[in-house]
């Protein structure tokens, strides 16, 4: 019965991955 929250966020700077890469944590 548990619900947890995840955060979806997007990379703003080019780095190891390109700008615009989306993540969920």
PDBML (XML) file of the C-alpha atoms, coordinates in Angstrom:
<?xml version="1.0" encoding="UTF-8" ?>
<PDBx:datablock datablockName="MODEL"
   xmlns:PDBx="http://pdbml.pdb.org/schema/pdbx-v50.xsd"
   xmlns:xsi="http://www.w3.org/2001/XMLSchema-instance"
   xsi:schemaLocation="http://pdbml.pdb.org/schema/pdbx-v50.xsd pdbx-v50.xsd">
   <PDBx:atom_siteCategory>
      <PDBx:atom_site id="1">
         <PDBx:B_iso_or_equiv>0.00</PDBx:B_iso_or_equiv>
         <PDBx:Cartn_x>0.000</PDBx:Cartn_x>
         <PDBx:Cartn_y>0.000</PDBx:Cartn_y>
         <PDBx:Cartn_z>0.000</PDBx:Cartn_z>
         <PDBx:auth_asym_id>A</PDBx:auth_asym_id>
         <PDBx:auth_atom_id>CA</PDBx:auth_atom_id>
         <PDBx:auth_comp_id>UNK</PDBx:auth_comp_id>
         <PDBx:auth_seq_id>1</PDBx:auth_seq_id>
         <PDBx:group_PDB>ATOM</PDBx:group_PDB>
         <PDBx:label_alt_id xsi:nil="true" />
         <PDBx:label_asym_id>A</PDBx:label_asym_id>
         <PDBx:label_atom_id>CA</PDBx:label_atom_id>
         <PDBx:label_comp_id>UNK</PDBx:label_comp_id>
         <PDBx:label_entity_id>1</PDBx:label_entity_id>
         <PDBx:label_seq_id>1</PDBx:label_seq_id>
         <PDBx:occupancy>1.00</PDBx:occupancy>
         <PDBx:pdbx_PDB_model_num>1</PDBx:pdbx_PDB_model_num>
         <PDBx:type_symbol>C</PDBx:type_symbol>
      </PDBx:atom_site>
      <PDBx:atom_site id="2">
         <PDBx:B_iso_or_equiv>0.00</PDBx:B_iso_or_equiv>
         <PDBx:Cartn_x>2.954</PDBx:Cartn_x>
         <PDBx:Cartn_y>2.361</PDBx:Cartn_y>
         <PDBx:Cartn_z>-0.149</PDBx:Cartn_z>
         <PDBx:auth_asym_id>A</PDBx:auth_asym_id>
         <PDBx:auth_atom_id>CA</PDBx:auth_atom_id>
         <PDBx:auth_comp_id>UNK</PDBx:auth_comp_id>
         <PDBx:auth_seq_id>2</PDBx:auth_seq_id>
         <PDBx:group_PDB>ATOM</PDBx:group_PDB>
         <PDBx:label_alt_id xsi:nil="true" />
         <PDBx:label_asym_id>A</PDBx:label_asym_id>
         <PDBx:label_atom_id>CA</PDBx:label_atom_id>
         <PDBx:label_comp_id>UNK</PDBx:label_comp_id>
         <PDBx:label_entity_id>1</PDBx:label_entity_id>
         <PDBx:label_seq_id>2</PDBx:label_seq_id>
         <PDBx:occupancy>1.00</PDBx:occupancy>
         <PDBx:pdbx_PDB_model_num>1</PDBx:pdbx_PDB_model_num>
         <PDBx:type_symbol>C</PDBx:type_symbol>
      </PDBx:atom_site>
      <PDBx:atom_site id="3">
         <PDBx:B_iso_or_equiv>0.00</PDBx:B_iso_or_equiv>
         <PDBx:Cartn_x>3.396</PDBx:Cartn_x>
         <PDBx:Cartn_y>5.103</PDBx:Cartn_y>
         <PDBx:Cartn_z>-2.719</PDBx:Cartn_z>
         <PDBx:auth_asym_id>A</PDBx:auth_asym_id>
         <PDBx:auth_atom_id>CA</PDBx:auth_atom_id>
         <PDBx:auth_comp_id>UNK</PDBx:auth_comp_id>
         <PDBx:auth_seq_id>3</PDBx:auth_seq_id>
         <PDBx:group_PDB>ATOM</PDBx:group_PDB>
         <PDBx:label_alt_id xsi:nil="true" />
         <PDBx:label_asym_id>A</PDBx:label_asym_id>
         <PDBx:label_atom_id>CA</PDBx:label_atom_id>
         <PDBx:label_comp_id>UNK</PDBx:label_comp_id>
         <PDBx:label_entity_id>1</PDBx:label_entity_id>
         <PDBx:label_seq_id>3</PDBx:label_seq_id>
         <PDBx:occupancy>1.00</PDBx:occupancy>
         <PDBx:pdbx_PDB_model_num>1</PDBx:pdbx_PDB_model_num>
         <PDBx:type_symbol>C</PDBx:type_symbol>
      </PDBx:atom_site>
      <PDBx:atom_site id="4">
         <PDBx:B_iso_or_equiv>0.00</PDBx:B_iso_or_equiv>
         <PDBx:Cartn_x>6.702</PDBx:Cartn_x>
         <PDBx:Cartn_y>6.912</PDBx:Cartn_y>
         <PDBx:Cartn_z>-3.068</PDBx:Cartn_z>
         <PDBx:auth_asym_id>A</PDBx:auth_asym_id>
         <PDBx:auth_atom_id>CA</PDBx:auth_atom_id>
         <PDBx:auth_comp_id>UNK</PDBx:auth_comp_id>
         <PDBx:auth_seq_id>4</PDBx:auth_seq_id>
         <PDBx:group_PDB>ATOM</PDBx:group_PDB>
         <PDBx:label_alt_id xsi:nil="true" />
         <PDBx:label_asym_id>A</PDBx:label_asym_id>
         <PDBx:label_atom_id>CA</PDBx:label_atom_id>
         <PDBx:label_comp_id>UNK</PDBx:label_comp_id>
         <PDBx:label_entity_id>1</PDBx:label_entity_id>
         <PDBx:label_seq_id>4</PDBx:label_seq_id>
         <PDBx:occupancy>1.00</PDBx:occupancy>
         <PDBx:pdbx_PDB_model_num>1</PDBx:pdbx_PDB_model_num>
         <PDBx:type_symbol>C</PDBx:type_symbol>
      </PDBx:atom_site>
      <PDBx:atom_site id="5">
         <PDBx:B_iso_or_equiv>0.00</PDBx:B_iso_or_equiv>
         <PDBx:Cartn_x>7.535</PDBx:Cartn_x>
         <PDBx:Cartn_y>9.993</PDBx:Cartn_y>
         <PDBx:Cartn_z>-5.068</PDBx:Cartn_z>
         <PDBx:auth_asym_id>A</PDBx:auth_asym_id>
         <PDBx:auth_atom_id>CA</PDBx:auth_atom_id>
         <PDBx:auth_comp_id>UNK</PDBx:auth_comp_id>
         <PDBx:auth_seq_id>5</PDBx:auth_seq_id>
         <PDBx:group_PDB>ATOM</PDBx:group_PDB>
         <PDBx:label_alt_id xsi:nil="true" />
         <PDBx:label_asym_id>A</PDBx:label_asym_id>
         <PDBx:label_atom_id>CA</PDBx:label_atom_id>
         <PDBx:label_comp_id>UNK</PDBx:label_comp_id>
         <PDBx:label_entity_id>1</PDBx:label_entity_id>
         <PDBx:label_seq_id>5</PDBx:label_seq_id>
         <PDBx:occupancy>1.00</PDBx:occupancy>
         <PDBx:pdbx_PDB_model_num>1</PDBx:pdbx_PDB_model_num>
         <PDBx:type_symbol>C</PDBx:type_symbol>
      </PDBx:atom_site>
      <PDBx:atom_site id="6">
         <PDBx:B_iso_or_equiv>0.00</PDBx:B_iso_or_equiv>
         <PDBx:Cartn_x>10.006</PDBx:Cartn_x>
         <PDBx:Cartn_y>10.145</PDBx:Cartn_y>
         <PDBx:Cartn_z>-7.905</PDBx:Cartn_z>
         <PDBx:auth_asym_id>A</PDBx:auth_asym_id>
         <PDBx:auth_atom_id>CA</PDBx:auth_atom_id>
         <PDBx:auth_comp_id>UNK</PDBx:auth_comp_id>
         <PDBx:auth_seq_id>6</PDBx:auth_seq_id>
         <PDBx:group_PDB>ATOM</PDBx:group_PDB>
         <PDBx:label_alt_id xsi:nil="true" />
         <PDBx:label_asym_id>A</PDBx:label_asym_id>
         <PDBx:label_atom_id>CA</PDBx:label_atom_id>
         <PDBx:label_comp_id>UNK</PDBx:label_comp_id>
         <PDBx:label_entity_id>1</PDBx:label_entity_id>
         <PDBx:label_seq_id>6</PDBx:label_seq_id>
         <PDBx:occupancy>1.00</PDBx:occupancy>
         <PDBx:pdbx_PDB_model_num>1</PDBx:pdbx_PDB_model_num>
         <PDBx:type_symbol>C</PDBx:type_symbol>
      </PDBx:atom_site>
      <PDBx:atom_site id="7">
         <PDBx:B_iso_or_equiv>0.00</PDBx:B_iso_or_equiv>
         <PDBx:Cartn_x>11.447</PDBx:Cartn_x>
         <PDBx:Cartn_y>13.303</PDBx:Cartn_y>
         <PDBx:Cartn_z>-9.422</PDBx:Cartn_z>
         <PDBx:auth_asym_id>A</PDBx:auth_asym_id>
         <PDBx:auth_atom_id>CA</PDBx:auth_atom_id>
         <PDBx:auth_comp_id>UNK</PDBx:auth_comp_id>
         <PDBx:auth_seq_id>7</PDBx:auth_seq_id>
         <PDBx:group_PDB>ATOM</PDBx:group_PDB>
         <PDBx:label_alt_id xsi:nil="true" />
         <PDBx:label_asym_id>A</PDBx:label_asym_id>
         <PDBx:label_atom_id>CA</PDBx:label_atom_id>
         <PDBx:label_comp_id>UNK</PDBx:label_comp_id>
         <PDBx:label_entity_id>1</PDBx:label_entity_id>
         <PDBx:label_seq_id>7</PDBx:label_seq_id>
         <PDBx:occupancy>1.00</PDBx:occupancy>
         <PDBx:pdbx_PDB_model_num>1</PDBx:pdbx_PDB_model_num>
         <PDBx:type_symbol>C</PDBx:type_symbol>
      </PDBx:atom_site>
      <PDBx:atom_site id="8">
         <PDBx:B_iso_or_equiv>0.00</PDBx:B_iso_or_equiv>
         <PDBx:Cartn_x>11.841</PDBx:Cartn_x>
         <PDBx:Cartn_y>13.678</PDBx:Cartn_y>
         <PDBx:Cartn_z>-13.197</PDBx:Cartn_z>
         <PDBx:auth_asym_id>A</PDBx:auth_asym_id>
         <PDBx:auth_atom_id>CA</PDBx:auth_atom_id>
         <PDBx:auth_comp_id>UNK</PDBx:auth_comp_id>
         <PDBx:auth_seq_id>8</PDBx:auth_seq_id>
         <PDBx:group_PDB>ATOM</PDBx:group_PDB>
         <PDBx:label_alt_id xsi:nil="true" />
         <PDBx:label_asym_id>A</PDBx:label_asym_id>
         <PDBx:label_atom_id>CA</PDBx:label_atom_id>
         <PDBx:label_comp_id>UNK</PDBx:label_comp_id>
         <PDBx:label_entity_id>1</PDBx:label_entity_id>
         <PDBx:label_seq_id>8</PDBx:label_seq_id>
         <PDBx:occupancy>1.00</PDBx:occupancy>
         <PDBx:pdbx_PDB_model_num>1</PDBx:pdbx_PDB_model_num>
         <PDBx:type_symbol>C</PDBx:type_symbol>
      </PDBx:atom_site>
      <PDBx:atom_site id="9">
         <PDBx:B_iso_or_equiv>0.00</PDBx:B_iso_or_equiv>
         <PDBx:Cartn_x>14.480</PDBx:Cartn_x>
         <PDBx:Cartn_y>16.211</PDBx:Cartn_y>
         <PDBx:Cartn_z>-14.150</PDBx:Cartn_z>
         <PDBx:auth_asym_id>A</PDBx:auth_asym_id>
         <PDBx:auth_atom_id>CA</PDBx:auth_atom_id>
         <PDBx:auth_comp_id>UNK</PDBx:auth_comp_id>
         <PDBx:auth_seq_id>9</PDBx:auth_seq_id>
         <PDBx:group_PDB>ATOM</PDBx:group_PDB>
         <PDBx:label_alt_id xsi:nil="true" />
         <PDBx:label_asym_id>A</PDBx:label_asym_id>
         <PDBx:label_atom_id>CA</PDBx:label_atom_id>
         <PDBx:label_comp_id>UNK</PDBx:label_comp_id>
         <PDBx:label_entity_id>1</PDBx:label_entity_id>
         <PDBx:label_seq_id>9</PDBx:label_seq_id>
         <PDBx:occupancy>1.00</PDBx:occupancy>
         <PDBx:pdbx_PDB_model_num>1</PDBx:pdbx_PDB_model_num>
         <PDBx:type_symbol>C</PDBx:type_symbol>
      </PDBx:atom_site>
      <PDBx:atom_site id="10">
         <PDBx:B_iso_or_equiv>0.00</PDBx:B_iso_or_equiv>
         <PDBx:Cartn_x>16.413</PDBx:Cartn_x>
         <PDBx:Cartn_y>17.335</PDBx:Cartn_y>
         <PDBx:Cartn_z>-17.225</PDBx:Cartn_z>
         <PDBx:auth_asym_id>A</PDBx:auth_asym_id>
         <PDBx:auth_atom_id>CA</PDBx:auth_atom_id>
         <PDBx:auth_comp_id>UNK</PDBx:auth_comp_id>
         <PDBx:auth_seq_id>10</PDBx:auth_seq_id>
         <PDBx:group_PDB>ATOM</PDBx:group_PDB>
         <PDBx:label_alt_id xsi:nil="true" />
         <PDBx:label_asym_id>A</PDBx:label_asym_id>
         <PDBx:label_atom_id>CA</PDBx:label_atom_id>
         <PDBx:label_comp_id>UNK</PDBx:label_comp_id>
         <PDBx:label_entity_id>1</PDBx:label_entity_id>
         <PDBx:label_seq_id>10</PDBx:label_seq_id>
         <PDBx:occupancy>1.00</PDBx:occupancy>
         <PDBx:pdbx_PDB_model_num>1</PDBx:pdbx_PDB_model_num>
         <PDBx:type_symbol>C</PDBx:type_symbol>
      </PDBx:atom_site>
      <PDBx:atom_site id="11">
         <PDBx:B_iso_or_equiv>0.00</PDBx:B_iso_or_equiv>
         <PDBx:Cartn_x>20.103</PDBx:Cartn_x>
         <PDBx:Cartn_y>18.122</PDBx:Cartn_y>
         <PDBx:Cartn_z>-17.657</PDBx:Cartn_z>
         <PDBx:auth_asym_id>A</PDBx:auth_asym_id>
         <PDBx:auth_atom_id>CA</PDBx:auth_atom_id>
         <PDBx:auth_comp_id>UNK</PDBx:auth_comp_id>
         <PDBx:auth_seq_id>11</PDBx:auth_seq_id>
         <PDBx:group_PDB>ATOM</PDBx:group_PDB>
         <PDBx:label_alt_id xsi:nil="true" />
         <PDBx:label_asym_id>A</PDBx:label_asym_id>
         <PDBx:label_atom_id>CA</PDBx:label_atom_id>
         <PDBx:label_comp_id>UNK</PDBx:label_comp_id>
         <PDBx:label_entity_id>1</PDBx:label_entity_id>
         <PDBx:label_seq_id>11</PDBx:label_seq_id>
         <PDBx:occupancy>1.00</PDBx:occupancy>
         <PDBx:pdbx_PDB_model_num>1</PDBx:pdbx_PDB_model_num>
         <PDBx:type_symbol>C</PDBx:type_symbol>
      </PDBx:atom_site>
      <PDBx:atom_site id="12">
         <PDBx:B_iso_or_equiv>0.00</PDBx:B_iso_or_equiv>
         <PDBx:Cartn_x>20.738</PDBx:Cartn_x>
         <PDBx:Cartn_y>21.772</PDBx:Cartn_y>
         <PDBx:Cartn_z>-18.559</PDBx:Cartn_z>
         <PDBx:auth_asym_id>A</PDBx:auth_asym_id>
         <PDBx:auth_atom_id>CA</PDBx:auth_atom_id>
         <PDBx:auth_comp_id>UNK</PDBx:auth_comp_id>
         <PDBx:auth_seq_id>12</PDBx:auth_seq_id>
         <PDBx:group_PDB>ATOM</PDBx:group_PDB>
         <PDBx:label_alt_id xsi:nil="true" />
         <PDBx:label_asym_id>A</PDBx:label_asym_id>
         <PDBx:label_atom_id>CA</PDBx:label_atom_id>
         <PDBx:label_comp_id>UNK</PDBx:label_comp_id>
         <PDBx:label_entity_id>1</PDBx:label_entity_id>
         <PDBx:label_seq_id>12</PDBx:label_seq_id>
         <PDBx:occupancy>1.00</PDBx:occupancy>
         <PDBx:pdbx_PDB_model_num>1</PDBx:pdbx_PDB_model_num>
         <PDBx:type_symbol>C</PDBx:type_symbol>
      </PDBx:atom_site>
      <PDBx:atom_site id="13">
         <PDBx:B_iso_or_equiv>0.00</PDBx:B_iso_or_equiv>
         <PDBx:Cartn_x>24.477</PDBx:Cartn_x>
         <PDBx:Cartn_y>21.557</PDBx:Cartn_y>
         <PDBx:Cartn_z>-19.294</PDBx:Cartn_z>
         <PDBx:auth_asym_id>A</PDBx:auth_asym_id>
         <PDBx:auth_atom_id>CA</PDBx:auth_atom_id>
         <PDBx:auth_comp_id>UNK</PDBx:auth_comp_id>
         <PDBx:auth_seq_id>13</PDBx:auth_seq_id>
         <PDBx:group_PDB>ATOM</PDBx:group_PDB>
         <PDBx:label_alt_id xsi:nil="true" />
         <PDBx:label_asym_id>A</PDBx:label_asym_id>
         <PDBx:label_atom_id>CA</PDBx:label_atom_id>
         <PDBx:label_comp_id>UNK</PDBx:label_comp_id>
         <PDBx:label_entity_id>1</PDBx:label_entity_id>
         <PDBx:label_seq_id>13</PDBx:label_seq_id>
         <PDBx:occupancy>1.00</PDBx:occupancy>
         <PDBx:pdbx_PDB_model_num>1</PDBx:pdbx_PDB_model_num>
         <PDBx:type_symbol>C</PDBx:type_symbol>
      </PDBx:atom_site>
      <PDBx:atom_site id="14">
         <PDBx:B_iso_or_equiv>0.00</PDBx:B_iso_or_equiv>
         <PDBx:Cartn_x>26.349</PDBx:Cartn_x>
         <PDBx:Cartn_y>19.408</PDBx:Cartn_y>
         <PDBx:Cartn_z>-21.781</PDBx:Cartn_z>
         <PDBx:auth_asym_id>A</PDBx:auth_asym_id>
         <PDBx:auth_atom_id>CA</PDBx:auth_atom_id>
         <PDBx:auth_comp_id>UNK</PDBx:auth_comp_id>
         <PDBx:auth_seq_id>14</PDBx:auth_seq_id>
         <PDBx:group_PDB>ATOM</PDBx:group_PDB>
         <PDBx:label_alt_id xsi:nil="true" />
         <PDBx:label_asym_id>A</PDBx:label_asym_id>
         <PDBx:label_atom_id>CA</PDBx:label_atom_id>
         <PDBx:label_comp_id>UNK</PDBx:label_comp_id>
         <PDBx:label_entity_id>1</PDBx:label_entity_id>
         <PDBx:label_seq_id>14</PDBx:label_seq_id>
         <PDBx:occupancy>1.00</PDBx:occupancy>
         <PDBx:pdbx_PDB_model_num>1</PDBx:pdbx_PDB_model_num>
         <PDBx:type_symbol>C</PDBx:type_symbol>
      </PDBx:atom_site>
      <PDBx:atom_site id="15">
         <PDBx:B_iso_or_equiv>0.00</PDBx:B_iso_or_equiv>
         <PDBx:Cartn_x>28.643</PDBx:Cartn_x>
         <PDBx:Cartn_y>16.982</PDBx:Cartn_y>
         <PDBx:Cartn_z>-19.973</PDBx:Cartn_z>
         <PDBx:auth_asym_id>A</PDBx:auth_asym_id>
         <PDBx:auth_atom_id>CA</PDBx:auth_atom_id>
         <PDBx:auth_comp_id>UNK</PDBx:auth_comp_id>
         <PDBx:auth_seq_id>15</PDBx:auth_seq_id>
         <PDBx:group_PDB>ATOM</PDBx:group_PDB>
         <PDBx:label_alt_id xsi:nil="true" />
         <PDBx:label_asym_id>A</PDBx:label_asym_id>
         <PDBx:label_atom_id>CA</PDBx:label_atom_id>
         <PDBx:label_comp_id>UNK</PDBx:label_comp_id>
         <PDBx:label_entity_id>1</PDBx:label_entity_id>
         <PDBx:label_seq_id>15</PDBx:label_seq_id>
         <PDBx:occupancy>1.00</PDBx:occupancy>
         <PDBx:pdbx_PDB_model_num>1</PDBx:pdbx_PDB_model_num>
         <PDBx:type_symbol>C</PDBx:type_symbol>
      </PDBx:atom_site>
      <PDBx:atom_site id="16">
         <PDBx:B_iso_or_equiv>0.00</PDBx:B_iso_or_equiv>
         <PDBx:Cartn_x>29.085</PDBx:Cartn_x>
         <PDBx:Cartn_y>13.224</PDBx:Cartn_y>
         <PDBx:Cartn_z>-19.994</PDBx:Cartn_z>
         <PDBx:auth_asym_id>A</PDBx:auth_asym_id>
         <PDBx:auth_atom_id>CA</PDBx:auth_atom_id>
         <PDBx:auth_comp_id>UNK</PDBx:auth_comp_id>
         <PDBx:auth_seq_id>16</PDBx:auth_seq_id>
         <PDBx:group_PDB>ATOM</PDBx:group_PDB>
         <PDBx:label_alt_id xsi:nil="true" />
         <PDBx:label_asym_id>A</PDBx:label_asym_id>
         <PDBx:label_atom_id>CA</PDBx:label_atom_id>
         <PDBx:label_comp_id>UNK</PDBx:label_comp_id>
         <PDBx:label_entity_id>1</PDBx:label_entity_id>
         <PDBx:label_seq_id>16</PDBx:label_seq_id>
         <PDBx:occupancy>1.00</PDBx:occupancy>
         <PDBx:pdbx_PDB_model_num>1</PDBx:pdbx_PDB_model_num>
         <PDBx:type_symbol>C</PDBx:type_symbol>
      </PDBx:atom_site>
      <PDBx:atom_site id="17">
         <PDBx:B_iso_or_equiv>0.00</PDBx:B_iso_or_equiv>
         <PDBx:Cartn_x>25.564</PDBx:Cartn_x>
         <PDBx:Cartn_y>13.146</PDBx:Cartn_y>
         <PDBx:Cartn_z>-21.480</PDBx:Cartn_z>
         <PDBx:auth_asym_id>A</PDBx:auth_asym_id>
         <PDBx:auth_atom_id>CA</PDBx:auth_atom_id>
         <PDBx:auth_comp_id>UNK</PDBx:auth_comp_id>
         <PDBx:auth_seq_id>17</PDBx:auth_seq_id>
         <PDBx:group_PDB>ATOM</PDBx:group_PDB>
         <PDBx:label_alt_id xsi:nil="true" />
         <PDBx:label_asym_id>A</PDBx:label_asym_id>
         <PDBx:label_atom_id>CA</PDBx:label_atom_id>
         <PDBx:label_comp_id>UNK</PDBx:label_comp_id>
         <PDBx:label_entity_id>1</PDBx:label_entity_id>
         <PDBx:label_seq_id>17</PDBx:label_seq_id>
         <PDBx:occupancy>1.00</PDBx:occupancy>
         <PDBx:pdbx_PDB_model_num>1</PDBx:pdbx_PDB_model_num>
         <PDBx:type_symbol>C</PDBx:type_symbol>
      </PDBx:atom_site>
      <PDBx:atom_site id="18">
         <PDBx:B_iso_or_equiv>0.00</PDBx:B_iso_or_equiv>
         <PDBx:Cartn_x>24.014</PDBx:Cartn_x>
         <PDBx:Cartn_y>15.774</PDBx:Cartn_y>
         <PDBx:Cartn_z>-23.755</PDBx:Cartn_z>
         <PDBx:auth_asym_id>A</PDBx:auth_asym_id>
         <PDBx:auth_atom_id>CA</PDBx:auth_atom_id>
         <PDBx:auth_comp_id>UNK</PDBx:auth_comp_id>
         <PDBx:auth_seq_id>18</PDBx:auth_seq_id>
         <PDBx:group_PDB>ATOM</PDBx:group_PDB>
         <PDBx:label_alt_id xsi:nil="true" />
         <PDBx:label_asym_id>A</PDBx:label_asym_id>
         <PDBx:label_atom_id>CA</PDBx:label_atom_id>
         <PDBx:label_comp_id>UNK</PDBx:label_comp_id>
         <PDBx:label_entity_id>1</PDBx:label_entity_id>
         <PDBx:label_seq_id>18</PDBx:label_seq_id>
         <PDBx:occupancy>1.00</PDBx:occupancy>
         <PDBx:pdbx_PDB_model_num>1</PDBx:pdbx_PDB_model_num>
         <PDBx:type_symbol>C</PDBx:type_symbol>
      </PDBx:atom_site>
      <PDBx:atom_site id="19">
         <PDBx:B_iso_or_equiv>0.00</PDBx:B_iso_or_equiv>
         <PDBx:Cartn_x>21.982</PDBx:Cartn_x>
         <PDBx:Cartn_y>18.759</PDBx:Cartn_y>
         <PDBx:Cartn_z>-22.636</PDBx:Cartn_z>
         <PDBx:auth_asym_id>A</PDBx:auth_asym_id>
         <PDBx:auth_atom_id>CA</PDBx:auth_atom_id>
         <PDBx:auth_comp_id>UNK</PDBx:auth_comp_id>
         <PDBx:auth_seq_id>19</PDBx:auth_seq_id>
         <PDBx:group_PDB>ATOM</PDBx:group_PDB>
         <PDBx:label_alt_id xsi:nil="true" />
         <PDBx:label_asym_id>A</PDBx:label_asym_id>
         <PDBx:label_atom_id>CA</PDBx:label_atom_id>
         <PDBx:label_comp_id>UNK</PDBx:label_comp_id>
         <PDBx:label_entity_id>1</PDBx:label_entity_id>
         <PDBx:label_seq_id>19</PDBx:label_seq_id>
         <PDBx:occupancy>1.00</PDBx:occupancy>
         <PDBx:pdbx_PDB_model_num>1</PDBx:pdbx_PDB_model_num>
         <PDBx:type_symbol>C</PDBx:type_symbol>
      </PDBx:atom_site>
      <PDBx:atom_site id="20">
         <PDBx:B_iso_or_equiv>0.00</PDBx:B_iso_or_equiv>
         <PDBx:Cartn_x>18.313</PDBx:Cartn_x>
         <PDBx:Cartn_y>17.755</PDBx:Cartn_y>
         <PDBx:Cartn_z>-22.441</PDBx:Cartn_z>
         <PDBx:auth_asym_id>A</PDBx:auth_asym_id>
         <PDBx:auth_atom_id>CA</PDBx:auth_atom_id>
         <PDBx:auth_comp_id>UNK</PDBx:auth_comp_id>
         <PDBx:auth_seq_id>20</PDBx:auth_seq_id>
         <PDBx:group_PDB>ATOM</PDBx:group_PDB>
         <PDBx:label_alt_id xsi:nil="true" />
         <PDBx:label_asym_id>A</PDBx:label_asym_id>
         <PDBx:label_atom_id>CA</PDBx:label_atom_id>
         <PDBx:label_comp_id>UNK</PDBx:label_comp_id>
         <PDBx:label_entity_id>1</PDBx:label_entity_id>
         <PDBx:label_seq_id>20</PDBx:label_seq_id>
         <PDBx:occupancy>1.00</PDBx:occupancy>
         <PDBx:pdbx_PDB_model_num>1</PDBx:pdbx_PDB_model_num>
         <PDBx:type_symbol>C</PDBx:type_symbol>
      </PDBx:atom_site>
      <PDBx:atom_site id="21">
         <PDBx:B_iso_or_equiv>0.00</PDBx:B_iso_or_equiv>
         <PDBx:Cartn_x>18.944</PDBx:Cartn_x>
         <PDBx:Cartn_y>14.230</PDBx:Cartn_y>
         <PDBx:Cartn_z>-21.104</PDBx:Cartn_z>
         <PDBx:auth_asym_id>A</PDBx:auth_asym_id>
         <PDBx:auth_atom_id>CA</PDBx:auth_atom_id>
         <PDBx:auth_comp_id>UNK</PDBx:auth_comp_id>
         <PDBx:auth_seq_id>21</PDBx:auth_seq_id>
         <PDBx:group_PDB>ATOM</PDBx:group_PDB>
         <PDBx:label_alt_id xsi:nil="true" />
         <PDBx:label_asym_id>A</PDBx:label_asym_id>
         <PDBx:label_atom_id>CA</PDBx:label_atom_id>
         <PDBx:label_comp_id>UNK</PDBx:label_comp_id>
         <PDBx:label_entity_id>1</PDBx:label_entity_id>
         <PDBx:label_seq_id>21</PDBx:label_seq_id>
         <PDBx:occupancy>1.00</PDBx:occupancy>
         <PDBx:pdbx_PDB_model_num>1</PDBx:pdbx_PDB_model_num>
         <PDBx:type_symbol>C</PDBx:type_symbol>
      </PDBx:atom_site>
      <PDBx:atom_site id="22">
         <PDBx:B_iso_or_equiv>0.00</PDBx:B_iso_or_equiv>
         <PDBx:Cartn_x>16.088</PDBx:Cartn_x>
         <PDBx:Cartn_y>13.266</PDBx:Cartn_y>
         <PDBx:Cartn_z>-18.774</PDBx:Cartn_z>
         <PDBx:auth_asym_id>A</PDBx:auth_asym_id>
         <PDBx:auth_atom_id>CA</PDBx:auth_atom_id>
         <PDBx:auth_comp_id>UNK</PDBx:auth_comp_id>
         <PDBx:auth_seq_id>22</PDBx:auth_seq_id>
         <PDBx:group_PDB>ATOM</PDBx:group_PDB>
         <PDBx:label_alt_id xsi:nil="true" />
         <PDBx:label_asym_id>A</PDBx:label_asym_id>
         <PDBx:label_atom_id>CA</PDBx:label_atom_id>
         <PDBx:label_comp_id>UNK</PDBx:label_comp_id>
         <PDBx:label_entity_id>1</PDBx:label_entity_id>
         <PDBx:label_seq_id>22</PDBx:label_seq_id>
         <PDBx:occupancy>1.00</PDBx:occupancy>
         <PDBx:pdbx_PDB_model_num>1</PDBx:pdbx_PDB_model_num>
         <PDBx:type_symbol>C</PDBx:type_symbol>
      </PDBx:atom_site>
      <PDBx:atom_site id="23">
         <PDBx:B_iso_or_equiv>0.00</PDBx:B_iso_or_equiv>
         <PDBx:Cartn_x>16.446</PDBx:Cartn_x>
         <PDBx:Cartn_y>11.365</PDBx:Cartn_y>
         <PDBx:Cartn_z>-15.515</PDBx:Cartn_z>
         <PDBx:auth_asym_id>A</PDBx:auth_asym_id>
         <PDBx:auth_atom_id>CA</PDBx:auth_atom_id>
         <PDBx:auth_comp_id>UNK</PDBx:auth_comp_id>
         <PDBx:auth_seq_id>23</PDBx:auth_seq_id>
         <PDBx:group_PDB>ATOM</PDBx:group_PDB>
         <PDBx:label_alt_id xsi:nil="true" />
         <PDBx:label_asym_id>A</PDBx:label_asym_id>
         <PDBx:label_atom_id>CA</PDBx:label_atom_id>
         <PDBx:label_comp_id>UNK</PDBx:label_comp_id>
         <PDBx:label_entity_id>1</PDBx:label_entity_id>
         <PDBx:label_seq_id>23</PDBx:label_seq_id>
         <PDBx:occupancy>1.00</PDBx:occupancy>
         <PDBx:pdbx_PDB_model_num>1</PDBx:pdbx_PDB_model_num>
         <PDBx:type_symbol>C</PDBx:type_symbol>
      </PDBx:atom_site>
      <PDBx:atom_site id="24">
         <PDBx:B_iso_or_equiv>0.00</PDBx:B_iso_or_equiv>
         <PDBx:Cartn_x>14.136</PDBx:Cartn_x>
         <PDBx:Cartn_y>9.944</PDBx:Cartn_y>
         <PDBx:Cartn_z>-12.849</PDBx:Cartn_z>
         <PDBx:auth_asym_id>A</PDBx:auth_asym_id>
         <PDBx:auth_atom_id>CA</PDBx:auth_atom_id>
         <PDBx:auth_comp_id>UNK</PDBx:auth_comp_id>
         <PDBx:auth_seq_id>24</PDBx:auth_seq_id>
         <PDBx:group_PDB>ATOM</PDBx:group_PDB>
         <PDBx:label_alt_id xsi:nil="true" />
         <PDBx:label_asym_id>A</PDBx:label_asym_id>
         <PDBx:label_atom_id>CA</PDBx:label_atom_id>
         <PDBx:label_comp_id>UNK</PDBx:label_comp_id>
         <PDBx:label_entity_id>1</PDBx:label_entity_id>
         <PDBx:label_seq_id>24</PDBx:label_seq_id>
         <PDBx:occupancy>1.00</PDBx:occupancy>
         <PDBx:pdbx_PDB_model_num>1</PDBx:pdbx_PDB_model_num>
         <PDBx:type_symbol>C</PDBx:type_symbol>
      </PDBx:atom_site>
      <PDBx:atom_site id="25">
         <PDBx:B_iso_or_equiv>0.00</PDBx:B_iso_or_equiv>
         <PDBx:Cartn_x>15.305</PDBx:Cartn_x>
         <PDBx:Cartn_y>9.542</PDBx:Cartn_y>
         <PDBx:Cartn_z>-9.273</PDBx:Cartn_z>
         <PDBx:auth_asym_id>A</PDBx:auth_asym_id>
         <PDBx:auth_atom_id>CA</PDBx:auth_atom_id>
         <PDBx:auth_comp_id>UNK</PDBx:auth_comp_id>
         <PDBx:auth_seq_id>25</PDBx:auth_seq_id>
         <PDBx:group_PDB>ATOM</PDBx:group_PDB>
         <PDBx:label_alt_id xsi:nil="true" />
         <PDBx:label_asym_id>A</PDBx:label_asym_id>
         <PDBx:label_atom_id>CA</PDBx:label_atom_id>
         <PDBx:label_comp_id>UNK</PDBx:label_comp_id>
         <PDBx:label_entity_id>1</PDBx:label_entity_id>
         <PDBx:label_seq_id>25</PDBx:label_seq_id>
         <PDBx:occupancy>1.00</PDBx:occupancy>
         <PDBx:pdbx_PDB_model_num>1</PDBx:pdbx_PDB_model_num>
         <PDBx:type_symbol>C</PDBx:type_symbol>
      </PDBx:atom_site>
   </PDBx:atom_siteCategory>
</PDBx:datablock>
